Amino acid sequence: MTTAAASPAAPASRSEEFLAEFFDSRGRKLTVDREASTVSGVKLMGIESKNRRRFSAEALKNIFELSDGAKINVNHNSRDLSAPRDYGDRIGSVISRTLESDGIYGTIKINPKHPLAEQFFWDAENAPQNCGMSPVYAPHKTSRAKDGFLLVESVAKVSSIDLVADPATTNSLKESQGDNSMPEQLLAEALKAKSDLEGQVTKLTEQVGKLEGEKKSLSESVATLTAEKQKGERAAAVTKFIAEAKLPADSVSAETRELWESVEVEKAEKLVKNFAEAFNTGRAKPKSDFDGGNGSGGGTGGENSGQFDSKKFASNLLKR
């Protein structure tokens, strides 16, 4: 921790471009001394700002040295950070600072007669996140970091450290005059986000295609299993019908069973009953008695014209 002892800020030139940052003291206990009209432990400067700027050790040292006795105003001049301030804007000054690993902290003295003095004391004690300190400074040397942050390498002047309620919206005189172009870093982030989303869409599309293929394969498997189940049920039903009809085991050929098992169970039952009836009544009759008299029935003709042709008869029944 380094204690303050440095030269006061040099007067600013109107030709210089000033920047403003914002830092609040949330997470730290501030000490309010109303008798002395001071608030201690206030964060005056940090390493990274909410305006996407990062400060080198040299830049922090510059601000530390140039902020001795720095004036504290209420809010910024939104039109021109380098412009003179009204008398009523002045609320206090910095009376001591310390340089720590995460920035600059200090004690500020507040004018107890200022209309906002008591409000500031209350916020410091109860809600330090409601307000913060915003250094107004002129950078001497800057560069652009790979992550898009503006790296402030050194600082030429500190104009004031103002008391504000929200992050500074006026980053520079140029921006306050209507430069509405998208910052390079925001554009880079937007393009990266777009690329990431496109990659995610491609990946999800591939996953959907894979799932569709798996769904088709599962559907085919289900269809196969369903067909096998139905085939087994029909085979069991045909076996039952044959047993109920008391047909001899050798009266039904494998081909005949296959024909019956290829149709619905209700039709198979009728076919088996018709077959059994024809089989039981047709074995002792001549061929013409059970083929319609046209020689196309179940008989085999010749010496065995009364023999029952089970295969042909079952086939003819199926065609009816």
C-alpha atoms as a PDB file:
ATOM      1  CA  MET A   1       0.000   0.000   0.000  1.00  0.00           C
ATOM      2  CA  THR A   2       1.400   3.382  -1.025  1.00  0.00           C
ATOM      3  CA  THR A   3       0.419   6.646   0.648  1.00  0.00           C
ATOM      4  CA  ALA A   4      -0.091   9.844  -1.296  1.00  0.00           C
ATOM      5  CA  ALA A   5       2.526  12.489  -1.872  1.00  0.00           C
ATOM      6  CA  ALA A   6       2.493  13.922  -5.353  1.00  0.00           C
ATOM      7  CA  SER A   7       2.176  17.021  -7.474  1.00  0.00           C
ATOM      8  CA  PRO A   8      -1.242  18.581  -8.150  1.00  0.00           C
ATOM      9  CA  ALA A   9      -2.953  18.150 -11.490  1.00  0.00           C
ATOM     10  CA  ALA A  10      -1.876  20.483 -14.252  1.00  0.00           C
ATOM     11  CA  PRO A  11      -4.558  22.646 -15.877  1.00  0.00           C
ATOM     12  CA  ALA A  12      -6.228  20.959 -18.814  1.00  0.00           C
ATOM     13  CA  SER A  13      -5.980  22.192 -22.360  1.00  0.00           C
ATOM     14  CA  ARG A  14      -9.288  22.545 -24.248  1.00  0.00           C
ATOM     15  CA  SER A  15      -7.639  20.812 -27.206  1.00  0.00           C
ATOM     16  CA  GLU A  16      -7.093  17.638 -25.193  1.00  0.00           C
ATOM     17  CA  GLU A  17      -9.663  14.886 -25.229  1.00  0.00           C
ATOM     18  CA  PHE A  18     -10.829  13.845 -21.770  1.00  0.00           C
ATOM     19  CA  LEU A  19     -12.292  10.478 -20.797  1.00  0.00           C
ATOM     20  CA  ALA A  20     -14.451   9.519 -17.841  1.00  0.00           C
ATOM     21  CA  GLU A  21     -14.692   6.216 -15.935  1.00  0.00           C
ATOM     22  CA  PHE A  22     -16.981   4.883 -13.217  1.00  0.00           C
ATOM     23  CA  PHE A  23     -16.141   2.958 -10.055  1.00  0.00           C
ATOM     24  CA  ASP A  24     -18.328   2.274  -7.030  1.00  0.00           C
ATOM     25  CA  SER A  25     -17.352   1.081  -3.553  1.00  0.00           C
ATOM     26  CA  ARG A  26     -19.733  -1.856  -3.194  1.00  0.00           C
ATOM     27  CA  GLY A  27     -18.314  -4.658  -1.088  1.00  0.00           C
ATOM     28  CA  ARG A  28     -16.220  -2.289   1.035  1.00  0.00           C
ATOM     29  CA  LYS A  29     -17.111  -0.623   4.309  1.00  0.00           C
ATOM     30  CA  LEU A  30     -16.975   3.127   4.075  1.00  0.00           C
ATOM     31  CA  THR A  31     -16.304   5.213   7.139  1.00  0.00           C
ATOM     32  CA  VAL A  32     -18.335   8.403   7.508  1.00  0.00           C
ATOM     33  CA  ASP A  33     -17.182  11.089   9.939  1.00  0.00           C
ATOM     34  CA  ARG A  34     -19.867  13.771   9.995  1.00  0.00           C
ATOM     35  CA  GLU A  35     -17.947  15.982  12.409  1.00  0.00           C
ATOM     36  CA  ALA A  36     -14.993  16.096  10.047  1.00  0.00           C
ATOM     37  CA  SER A  37     -17.265  15.874   6.964  1.00  0.00           C
ATOM     38  CA  THR A  38     -15.153  13.042   5.493  1.00  0.00           C
ATOM     39  CA  VAL A  39     -15.776   9.646   3.952  1.00  0.00           C
ATOM     40  CA  SER A  40     -12.888   7.157   3.989  1.00  0.00           C
ATOM     41  CA  GLY A  41     -12.316   3.970   1.954  1.00  0.00           C
ATOM     42  CA  VAL A  42     -13.869   5.381  -1.208  1.00  0.00           C
ATOM     43  CA  LYS A  43     -12.757   3.724  -4.445  1.00  0.00           C
ATOM     44  CA  LEU A  44     -11.451   6.481  -6.691  1.00  0.00           C
ATOM     45  CA  MET A  45     -10.002   4.371  -9.521  1.00  0.00           C
ATOM     46  CA  GLY A  46      -9.860   0.717 -10.557  1.00  0.00           C
ATOM     47  CA  ILE A  47      -7.901  -1.448 -12.956  1.00  0.00           C
ATOM     48  CA  GLU A  48     -10.793  -1.986 -15.384  1.00  0.00           C
ATOM     49  CA  SER A  49     -13.693   0.382 -15.984  1.00  0.00           C
ATOM     50  CA  LYS A  50     -17.283  -0.200 -17.017  1.00  0.00           C
ATOM     51  CA  ASN A  51     -16.433   1.656 -20.226  1.00  0.00           C
ATOM     52  CA  ARG A  52     -14.229  -1.307 -21.292  1.00  0.00           C
ATOM     53  CA  ARG A  53     -10.932   0.384 -20.552  1.00  0.00           C
ATOM     54  CA  ARG A  54      -8.014  -1.195 -18.731  1.00  0.00           C
ATOM     55  CA  PHE A  55      -5.255   0.715 -16.933  1.00  0.00           C
ATOM     56  CA  SER A  56      -1.598  -0.215 -16.795  1.00  0.00           C
ATOM     57  CA  ALA A  57       0.429   0.098 -13.602  1.00  0.00           C
ATOM     58  CA  GLU A  58       2.000   3.221 -15.077  1.00  0.00           C
ATOM     59  CA  ALA A  59      -1.393   4.786 -15.801  1.00  0.00           C
ATOM     60  CA  LEU A  60      -2.625   4.068 -12.260  1.00  0.00           C
ATOM     61  CA  LYS A  61       0.556   5.608 -10.873  1.00  0.00           C
ATOM     62  CA  ASN A  62      -0.013   8.704 -13.041  1.00  0.00           C
ATOM     63  CA  ILE A  63      -3.600   9.086 -11.813  1.00  0.00           C
ATOM     64  CA  PHE A  64      -2.490   8.510  -8.231  1.00  0.00           C
ATOM     65  CA  GLU A  65       0.089  11.269  -8.491  1.00  0.00           C
ATOM     66  CA  LEU A  66      -2.202  13.676 -10.359  1.00  0.00           C
ATOM     67  CA  SER A  67      -5.249  13.224  -8.096  1.00  0.00           C
ATOM     68  CA  ASP A  68      -3.756  14.867  -4.991  1.00  0.00           C
ATOM     69  CA  GLY A  69      -6.331  17.439  -3.927  1.00  0.00           C
ATOM     70  CA  ALA A  70      -8.515  16.640  -6.939  1.00  0.00           C
ATOM     71  CA  LYS A  71     -11.834  18.492  -7.031  1.00  0.00           C
ATOM     72  CA  ILE A  72     -15.087  16.546  -6.634  1.00  0.00           C
ATOM     73  CA  ASN A  73     -18.124  17.744  -8.582  1.00  0.00           C
ATOM     74  CA  VAL A  74     -21.672  16.427  -8.704  1.00  0.00           C
ATOM     75  CA  ASN A  75     -22.066  14.647 -12.058  1.00  0.00           C
ATOM     76  CA  HIS A  76     -20.183  15.414 -15.290  1.00  0.00           C
ATOM     77  CA  ASN A  77     -20.644  18.153 -17.824  1.00  0.00           C
ATOM     78  CA  SER A  78     -22.398  15.933 -20.372  1.00  0.00           C
ATOM     79  CA  ARG A  79     -21.613  18.254 -23.295  1.00  0.00           C
ATOM     80  CA  ASP A  80     -17.886  18.735 -22.743  1.00  0.00           C
ATOM     81  CA  LEU A  81     -15.816  16.956 -20.081  1.00  0.00           C
ATOM     82  CA  SER A  82     -13.113  19.627 -20.319  1.00  0.00           C
ATOM     83  CA  ALA A  83     -15.479  22.602 -19.855  1.00  0.00           C
ATOM     84  CA  PRO A  84     -15.421  24.677 -16.615  1.00  0.00           C
ATOM     85  CA  ARG A  85     -17.908  23.630 -13.942  1.00  0.00           C
ATOM     86  CA  ASP A  86     -20.569  25.677 -12.183  1.00  0.00           C
ATOM     87  CA  TYR A  87     -19.896  26.794  -8.630  1.00  0.00           C
ATOM     88  CA  GLY A  88     -22.893  24.793  -7.382  1.00  0.00           C
ATOM     89  CA  ASP A  89     -21.447  21.579  -8.820  1.00  0.00           C
ATOM     90  CA  ARG A  90     -18.528  21.517  -6.379  1.00  0.00           C
ATOM     91  CA  ILE A  91     -19.212  19.222  -3.381  1.00  0.00           C
ATOM     92  CA  GLY A  92     -15.725  18.404  -2.081  1.00  0.00           C
ATOM     93  CA  SER A  93     -12.185  17.280  -2.762  1.00  0.00           C
ATOM     94  CA  VAL A  94      -9.769  14.367  -2.335  1.00  0.00           C
ATOM     95  CA  ILE A  95      -7.613  14.795   0.769  1.00  0.00           C
ATOM     96  CA  SER A  96      -5.660  11.499   0.781  1.00  0.00           C
ATOM     97  CA  ARG A  97      -5.173   8.416  -1.382  1.00  0.00           C
ATOM     98  CA  THR A  98      -3.650   4.942  -1.215  1.00  0.00           C
ATOM     99  CA  LEU A  99      -2.546   2.843  -4.168  1.00  0.00           C
ATOM    100  CA  GLU A 100      -3.608  -0.779  -3.722  1.00  0.00           C
ATOM    101  CA  SER A 101      -3.492  -3.900  -5.882  1.00  0.00           C
ATOM    102  CA  ASP A 102      -6.962  -3.331  -7.363  1.00  0.00           C
ATOM    103  CA  GLY A 103      -6.904   0.428  -7.705  1.00  0.00           C
ATOM    104  CA  ILE A 104      -6.798   3.733  -5.838  1.00  0.00           C
ATOM    105  CA  TYR A 105      -8.726   4.337  -2.611  1.00  0.00           C
ATOM    106  CA  GLY A 106      -8.955   7.521  -0.658  1.00  0.00           C
ATOM    107  CA  THR A 107     -10.600   9.852   1.793  1.00  0.00           C
ATOM    108  CA  ILE A 108     -12.752  12.659   0.487  1.00  0.00           C
ATOM    109  CA  LYS A 109     -13.900  15.777   2.298  1.00  0.00           C
ATOM    110  CA  ILE A 110     -17.467  16.890   1.652  1.00  0.00           C
ATOM    111  CA  ASN A 111     -18.892  20.388   2.007  1.00  0.00           C
ATOM    112  CA  PRO A 112     -21.484  19.789   4.771  1.00  0.00           C
ATOM    113  CA  LYS A 113     -23.519  22.754   3.520  1.00  0.00           C
ATOM    114  CA  HIS A 114     -23.941  21.336   0.026  1.00  0.00           C
ATOM    115  CA  PRO A 115     -27.594  20.315  -0.657  1.00  0.00           C
ATOM    116  CA  LEU A 116     -26.529  16.740  -1.455  1.00  0.00           C
ATOM    117  CA  ALA A 117     -24.050  16.286   1.399  1.00  0.00           C
ATOM    118  CA  GLU A 118     -26.415  14.425   3.748  1.00  0.00           C
ATOM    119  CA  GLN A 119     -27.730  12.270   0.917  1.00  0.00           C
ATOM    120  CA  PHE A 120     -24.167  11.249   0.068  1.00  0.00           C
ATOM    121  CA  PHE A 121     -23.352  10.493   3.717  1.00  0.00           C
ATOM    122  CA  TRP A 122     -26.452   8.270   3.959  1.00  0.00           C
ATOM    123  CA  ASP A 123     -25.598   6.391   0.758  1.00  0.00           C
ATOM    124  CA  ALA A 124     -22.006   5.893   1.910  1.00  0.00           C
ATOM    125  CA  GLU A 125     -23.255   4.325   5.153  1.00  0.00           C
ATOM    126  CA  ASN A 126     -26.179   2.321   3.795  1.00  0.00           C
ATOM    127  CA  ALA A 127     -26.047   1.876   0.016  1.00  0.00           C
ATOM    128  CA  PRO A 128     -22.584   2.539  -1.466  1.00  0.00           C
ATOM    129  CA  GLN A 129     -23.771   0.989  -4.739  1.00  0.00           C
ATOM    130  CA  ASN A 130     -26.084   3.960  -5.318  1.00  0.00           C
ATOM    131  CA  CYS A 131     -23.245   6.230  -6.338  1.00  0.00           C
ATOM    132  CA  GLY A 132     -19.633   6.114  -7.388  1.00  0.00           C
ATOM    133  CA  MET A 133     -16.568   8.112  -8.291  1.00  0.00           C
ATOM    134  CA  SER A 134     -15.810   8.932 -11.898  1.00  0.00           C
ATOM    135  CA  PRO A 135     -12.317  10.264 -12.704  1.00  0.00           C
ATOM    136  CA  VAL A 136     -12.120  12.696 -15.619  1.00  0.00           C
ATOM    137  CA  TYR A 137      -8.666  12.465 -17.181  1.00  0.00           C
ATOM    138  CA  ALA A 138      -6.672  13.023 -20.349  1.00  0.00           C
ATOM    139  CA  PRO A 139      -4.829   9.877 -21.530  1.00  0.00           C
ATOM    140  CA  HIS A 140      -1.294  10.302 -22.833  1.00  0.00           C
ATOM    141  CA  LYS A 141      -0.794   6.929 -24.523  1.00  0.00           C
ATOM    142  CA  THR A 142      -3.306   4.199 -25.368  1.00  0.00           C
ATOM    143  CA  SER A 143      -3.419   0.960 -27.373  1.00  0.00           C
ATOM    144  CA  ARG A 144      -6.009  -1.674 -28.232  1.00  0.00           C
ATOM    145  CA  ALA A 145      -5.823  -5.022 -26.383  1.00  0.00           C
ATOM    146  CA  LYS A 146      -6.629  -8.315 -28.133  1.00  0.00           C
ATOM    147  CA  ASP A 147      -9.872  -8.683 -26.169  1.00  0.00           C
ATOM    148  CA  GLY A 148     -11.097  -5.300 -27.445  1.00  0.00           C
ATOM    149  CA  PHE A 149     -10.380  -3.287 -24.303  1.00  0.00           C
ATOM    150  CA  LEU A 150      -8.713   0.091 -24.685  1.00  0.00           C
ATOM    151  CA  LEU A 151      -5.444  -0.124 -22.750  1.00  0.00           C
ATOM    152  CA  VAL A 152      -4.575   3.189 -21.121  1.00  0.00           C
ATOM    153  CA  GLU A 153      -0.791   3.055 -20.806  1.00  0.00           C
ATOM    154  CA  SER A 154      -0.191   6.520 -19.349  1.00  0.00           C
ATOM    155  CA  VAL A 155      -2.186   9.580 -18.262  1.00  0.00           C
ATOM    156  CA  ALA A 156      -1.320  13.259 -18.791  1.00  0.00           C
ATOM    157  CA  LYS A 157      -3.879  15.069 -16.599  1.00  0.00           C
ATOM    158  CA  VAL A 158      -6.653  14.508 -14.059  1.00  0.00           C
ATOM    159  CA  SER A 159      -9.315  17.201 -14.241  1.00  0.00           C
ATOM    160  CA  SER A 160     -11.576  16.041 -11.409  1.00  0.00           C
ATOM    161  CA  ILE A 161     -13.012  12.970  -9.724  1.00  0.00           C
ATOM    162  CA  ASP A 162     -16.747  13.479  -9.892  1.00  0.00           C
ATOM    163  CA  LEU A 163     -19.579  12.015  -7.839  1.00  0.00           C
ATOM    164  CA  VAL A 164     -22.088  10.272 -10.152  1.00  0.00           C
ATOM    165  CA  ALA A 165     -25.058   7.931  -9.794  1.00  0.00           C
ATOM    166  CA  ASP A 166     -24.437   5.738 -12.861  1.00  0.00           C
ATOM    167  CA  PRO A 167     -21.569   4.801 -15.183  1.00  0.00           C
ATOM    168  CA  ALA A 168     -20.444   7.712 -17.318  1.00  0.00           C
ATOM    169  CA  THR A 169     -22.343   7.831 -20.606  1.00  0.00           C
ATOM    170  CA  THR A 170     -20.035  10.485 -22.090  1.00  0.00           C
ATOM    171  CA  ASN A 171     -16.822   8.612 -22.787  1.00  0.00           C
ATOM    172  CA  SER A 172     -15.173  11.430 -24.688  1.00  0.00           C
ATOM    173  CA  LEU A 173     -15.843  14.759 -26.397  1.00  0.00           C
ATOM    174  CA  LYS A 174     -16.014  13.020 -29.768  1.00  0.00           C
ATOM    175  CA  GLU A 175     -18.660  10.547 -28.596  1.00  0.00           C
ATOM    176  CA  SER A 176     -20.704  13.295 -26.950  1.00  0.00           C
ATOM    177  CA  GLN A 177     -20.940  15.050 -30.334  1.00  0.00           C
ATOM    178  CA  GLY A 178     -22.890  12.190 -31.898  1.00  0.00           C
ATOM    179  CA  ASP A 179     -20.548   9.395 -32.895  1.00  0.00           C
ATOM    180  CA  ASN A 180     -23.098   6.566 -32.926  1.00  0.00           C
ATOM    181  CA  SER A 181     -21.006   3.986 -34.752  1.00  0.00           C
ATOM    182  CA  MET A 182     -20.783   0.541 -33.239  1.00  0.00           C
ATOM    183  CA  PRO A 183     -17.513   0.049 -31.316  1.00  0.00           C
ATOM    184  CA  GLU A 184     -15.149  -2.448 -32.899  1.00  0.00           C
ATOM    185  CA  GLN A 185     -15.270  -4.735 -29.870  1.00  0.00           C
ATOM    186  CA  LEU A 186     -19.075  -4.845 -29.847  1.00  0.00           C
ATOM    187  CA  LEU A 187     -19.065  -5.648 -33.552  1.00  0.00           C
ATOM    188  CA  ALA A 188     -16.490  -8.403 -33.005  1.00  0.00           C
ATOM    189  CA  GLU A 189     -18.553  -9.831 -30.153  1.00  0.00           C
ATOM    190  CA  ALA A 190     -21.715  -9.727 -32.261  1.00  0.00           C
ATOM    191  CA  LEU A 191     -19.980 -11.516 -35.137  1.00  0.00           C
ATOM    192  CA  LYS A 192     -18.573 -14.120 -32.765  1.00  0.00           C
ATOM    193  CA  ALA A 193     -22.006 -14.663 -31.210  1.00  0.00           C
ATOM    194  CA  LYS A 194     -23.464 -15.089 -34.716  1.00  0.00           C
ATOM    195  CA  SER A 195     -20.763 -17.601 -35.614  1.00  0.00           C
ATOM    196  CA  ASP A 196     -21.328 -19.506 -32.367  1.00  0.00           C
ATOM    197  CA  LEU A 197     -25.077 -19.652 -33.012  1.00  0.00           C
ATOM    198  CA  GLU A 198     -24.528 -20.884 -36.554  1.00  0.00           C
ATOM    199  CA  GLY A 199     -22.222 -23.585 -35.206  1.00  0.00           C
ATOM    200  CA  GLN A 200     -24.842 -24.612 -32.665  1.00  0.00           C
ATOM    201  CA  VAL A 201     -27.521 -24.732 -35.370  1.00  0.00           C
ATOM    202  CA  THR A 202     -25.292 -26.966 -37.526  1.00  0.00           C
ATOM    203  CA  LYS A 203     -24.593 -29.253 -34.586  1.00  0.00           C
ATOM    204  CA  LEU A 204     -28.272 -29.458 -33.647  1.00  0.00           C
ATOM    205  CA  THR A 205     -29.199 -30.165 -37.281  1.00  0.00           C
ATOM    206  CA  GLU A 206     -26.733 -33.065 -37.324  1.00  0.00           C
ATOM    207  CA  GLN A 207     -28.167 -34.368 -34.054  1.00  0.00           C
ATOM    208  CA  VAL A 208     -31.710 -34.127 -35.437  1.00  0.00           C
ATOM    209  CA  GLY A 209     -30.629 -36.089 -38.534  1.00  0.00           C
ATOM    210  CA  LYS A 210     -29.044 -38.743 -36.342  1.00  0.00           C
ATOM    211  CA  LEU A 211     -32.159 -38.967 -34.179  1.00  0.00           C
ATOM    212  CA  GLU A 212     -34.353 -39.255 -37.281  1.00  0.00           C
ATOM    213  CA  GLY A 213     -32.204 -42.166 -38.465  1.00  0.00           C
ATOM    214  CA  GLU A 214     -32.457 -43.831 -35.059  1.00  0.00           C
ATOM    215  CA  LYS A 215     -36.224 -43.236 -35.050  1.00  0.00           C
ATOM    216  CA  LYS A 216     -36.549 -44.890 -38.479  1.00  0.00           C
ATOM    217  CA  SER A 217     -34.461 -47.860 -37.341  1.00  0.00           C
ATOM    218  CA  LEU A 218     -36.561 -48.239 -34.188  1.00  0.00           C
ATOM    219  CA  SER A 219     -39.770 -48.001 -36.229  1.00  0.00           C
ATOM    220  CA  GLU A 220     -38.547 -50.764 -38.527  1.00  0.00           C
ATOM    221  CA  SER A 221     -37.609 -52.905 -35.520  1.00  0.00           C
ATOM    222  CA  VAL A 222     -41.028 -52.342 -33.967  1.00  0.00           C
ATOM    223  CA  ALA A 223     -42.724 -53.244 -37.245  1.00  0.00           C
ATOM    224  CA  THR A 224     -40.657 -56.433 -37.519  1.00  0.00           C
ATOM    225  CA  LEU A 225     -41.388 -57.455 -33.926  1.00  0.00           C
ATOM    226  CA  THR A 226     -45.078 -56.660 -34.384  1.00  0.00           C
ATOM    227  CA  ALA A 227     -45.227 -58.784 -37.532  1.00  0.00           C
ATOM    228  CA  GLU A 228     -43.457 -61.658 -35.765  1.00  0.00           C
ATOM    229  CA  LYS A 229     -45.834 -61.369 -32.819  1.00  0.00           C
ATOM    230  CA  GLN A 230     -48.882 -61.421 -35.090  1.00  0.00           C
ATOM    231  CA  LYS A 231     -47.475 -64.369 -37.013  1.00  0.00           C
ATOM    232  CA  GLY A 232     -46.949 -66.253 -33.753  1.00  0.00           C
ATOM    233  CA  GLU A 233     -50.487 -65.448 -32.617  1.00  0.00           C
ATOM    234  CA  ARG A 234     -51.959 -66.687 -35.928  1.00  0.00           C
ATOM    235  CA  ALA A 235     -49.886 -69.882 -35.770  1.00  0.00           C
ATOM    236  CA  ALA A 236     -51.091 -70.563 -32.224  1.00  0.00           C
ATOM    237  CA  ALA A 237     -54.700 -69.896 -33.269  1.00  0.00           C
ATOM    238  CA  VAL A 238     -54.447 -72.270 -36.275  1.00  0.00           C
ATOM    239  CA  THR A 239     -53.022 -75.008 -34.033  1.00  0.00           C
ATOM    240  CA  LYS A 240     -55.964 -74.494 -31.682  1.00  0.00           C
ATOM    241  CA  PHE A 241     -58.517 -74.615 -34.525  1.00  0.00           C
ATOM    242  CA  ILE A 242     -56.977 -77.842 -35.927  1.00  0.00           C
ATOM    243  CA  ALA A 243     -57.164 -79.452 -32.488  1.00  0.00           C
ATOM    244  CA  GLU A 244     -60.775 -78.346 -31.988  1.00  0.00           C
ATOM    245  CA  ALA A 245     -61.710 -79.757 -35.440  1.00  0.00           C
ATOM    246  CA  LYS A 246     -60.054 -83.114 -34.481  1.00  0.00           C
ATOM    247  CA  LEU A 247     -58.208 -83.300 -37.777  1.00  0.00           C
ATOM    248  CA  PRO A 248     -55.588 -86.070 -38.061  1.00  0.00           C
ATOM    249  CA  ALA A 249     -52.032 -84.779 -37.838  1.00  0.00           C
ATOM    250  CA  ASP A 250     -51.196 -86.025 -41.353  1.00  0.00           C
ATOM    251  CA  SER A 251     -54.297 -84.458 -42.914  1.00  0.00           C
ATOM    252  CA  VAL A 252     -52.868 -80.930 -42.893  1.00  0.00           C
ATOM    253  CA  SER A 253     -49.703 -80.328 -44.888  1.00  0.00           C
ATOM    254  CA  ALA A 254     -47.117 -77.663 -44.055  1.00  0.00           C
ATOM    255  CA  GLU A 255     -48.232 -75.694 -47.110  1.00  0.00           C
ATOM    256  CA  THR A 256     -51.857 -75.761 -45.920  1.00  0.00           C
ATOM    257  CA  ARG A 257     -50.897 -74.521 -42.450  1.00  0.00           C
ATOM    258  CA  GLU A 258     -48.860 -71.721 -44.071  1.00  0.00           C
ATOM    259  CA  LEU A 259     -51.920 -70.680 -46.096  1.00  0.00           C
ATOM    260  CA  TRP A 260     -54.100 -70.518 -42.967  1.00  0.00           C
ATOM    261  CA  GLU A 261     -51.472 -68.645 -40.963  1.00  0.00           C
ATOM    262  CA  SER A 262     -51.205 -65.988 -43.706  1.00  0.00           C
ATOM    263  CA  VAL A 263     -54.781 -64.718 -43.163  1.00  0.00           C
ATOM    264  CA  GLU A 264     -56.640 -63.091 -40.278  1.00  0.00           C
ATOM    265  CA  VAL A 265     -57.538 -65.324 -37.340  1.00  0.00           C
ATOM    266  CA  GLU A 266     -61.326 -65.128 -37.983  1.00  0.00           C
ATOM    267  CA  LYS A 267     -60.909 -66.227 -41.616  1.00  0.00           C
ATOM    268  CA  ALA A 268     -58.445 -68.948 -40.647  1.00  0.00           C
ATOM    269  CA  GLU A 269     -61.019 -70.382 -38.232  1.00  0.00           C
ATOM    270  CA  LYS A 270     -63.657 -70.585 -40.993  1.00  0.00           C
ATOM    271  CA  LEU A 271     -61.160 -72.167 -43.395  1.00  0.00           C
ATOM    272  CA  VAL A 272     -60.196 -74.828 -40.864  1.00  0.00           C
ATOM    273  CA  LYS A 273     -63.876 -75.631 -40.144  1.00  0.00           C
ATOM    274  CA  ASN A 274     -64.711 -75.858 -43.874  1.00  0.00           C
ATOM    275  CA  PHE A 275     -61.638 -77.979 -44.450  1.00  0.00           C
ATOM    276  CA  ALA A 276     -62.509 -80.306 -41.573  1.00  0.00           C
ATOM    277  CA  GLU A 277     -66.089 -80.696 -42.761  1.00  0.00           C
ATOM    278  CA  ALA A 278     -64.976 -81.474 -46.318  1.00  0.00           C
ATOM    279  CA  PHE A 279     -62.256 -83.798 -45.056  1.00  0.00           C
ATOM    280  CA  ASN A 280     -64.580 -85.775 -42.804  1.00  0.00           C
ATOM    281  CA  THR A 281     -67.395 -86.092 -45.384  1.00  0.00           C
ATOM    282  CA  GLY A 282     -65.357 -86.338 -48.562  1.00  0.00           C
ATOM    283  CA  ARG A 283     -62.998 -89.196 -47.884  1.00  0.00           C
ATOM    284  CA  ALA A 284     -65.612 -91.883 -48.870  1.00  0.00           C
ATOM    285  CA  LYS A 285     -67.194 -89.958 -51.754  1.00  0.00           C
ATOM    286  CA  PRO A 286     -66.177 -89.888 -55.402  1.00  0.00           C
ATOM    287  CA  LYS A 287     -64.308 -86.902 -56.703  1.00  0.00           C
ATOM    288  CA  SER A 288     -67.284 -85.417 -58.565  1.00  0.00           C
ATOM    289  CA  ASP A 289     -69.326 -85.225 -55.335  1.00  0.00           C
ATOM    290  CA  PHE A 290     -67.064 -82.624 -53.659  1.00  0.00           C
ATOM    291  CA  ASP A 291     -65.508 -80.767 -56.613  1.00  0.00           C
ATOM    292  CA  GLY A 292     -68.693 -79.408 -58.151  1.00  0.00           C
ATOM    293  CA  GLY A 293     -68.827 -82.149 -60.782  1.00  0.00           C
ATOM    294  CA  ASN A 294     -66.305 -80.419 -63.063  1.00  0.00           C
ATOM    295  CA  GLY A 295     -63.224 -82.373 -62.147  1.00  0.00           C
ATOM    296  CA  SER A 296     -61.554 -79.349 -60.558  1.00  0.00           C
ATOM    297  CA  GLY A 297     -62.132 -80.174 -56.886  1.00  0.00           C
ATOM    298  CA  GLY A 298     -59.948 -81.871 -54.349  1.00  0.00           C
ATOM    299  CA  GLY A 299     -59.858 -85.379 -55.910  1.00  0.00           C
ATOM    300  CA  THR A 300     -56.789 -86.812 -57.531  1.00  0.00           C
ATOM    301  CA  GLY A 301     -58.600 -88.882 -60.187  1.00  0.00           C
ATOM    302  CA  GLY A 302     -57.691 -92.307 -61.450  1.00  0.00           C
ATOM    303  CA  GLU A 303     -57.949 -95.299 -59.134  1.00  0.00           C
ATOM    304  CA  ASN A 304     -58.014 -92.998 -56.126  1.00  0.00           C
ATOM    305  CA  SER A 305     -60.769 -90.727 -57.453  1.00  0.00           C
ATOM    306  CA  GLY A 306     -62.393 -90.717 -54.003  1.00  0.00           C
ATOM    307  CA  GLN A 307     -59.188 -89.652 -52.187  1.00  0.00           C
ATOM    308  CA  PHE A 308     -59.309 -86.162 -50.598  1.00  0.00           C
ATOM    309  CA  ASP A 309     -56.564 -83.766 -51.833  1.00  0.00           C
ATOM    310  CA  SER A 310     -56.143 -81.572 -48.744  1.00  0.00           C
ATOM    311  CA  LYS A 311     -53.616 -79.206 -50.248  1.00  0.00           C
ATOM    312  CA  LYS A 312     -55.694 -78.395 -53.360  1.00  0.00           C
ATOM    313  CA  PHE A 313     -58.901 -78.124 -51.365  1.00  0.00           C
ATOM    314  CA  ALA A 314     -57.346 -75.722 -48.846  1.00  0.00           C
ATOM    315  CA  SER A 315     -56.012 -73.611 -51.719  1.00  0.00           C
ATOM    316  CA  ASN A 316     -59.442 -73.479 -53.377  1.00  0.00           C
ATOM    317  CA  LEU A 317     -61.053 -72.456 -50.073  1.00  0.00           C
ATOM    318  CA  LEU A 318     -58.620 -69.574 -49.715  1.00  0.00           C
ATOM    319  CA  LYS A 319     -59.566 -68.238 -53.151  1.00  0.00           C
ATOM    320  CA  ARG A 320     -63.281 -68.090 -52.337  1.00  0.00           C
END
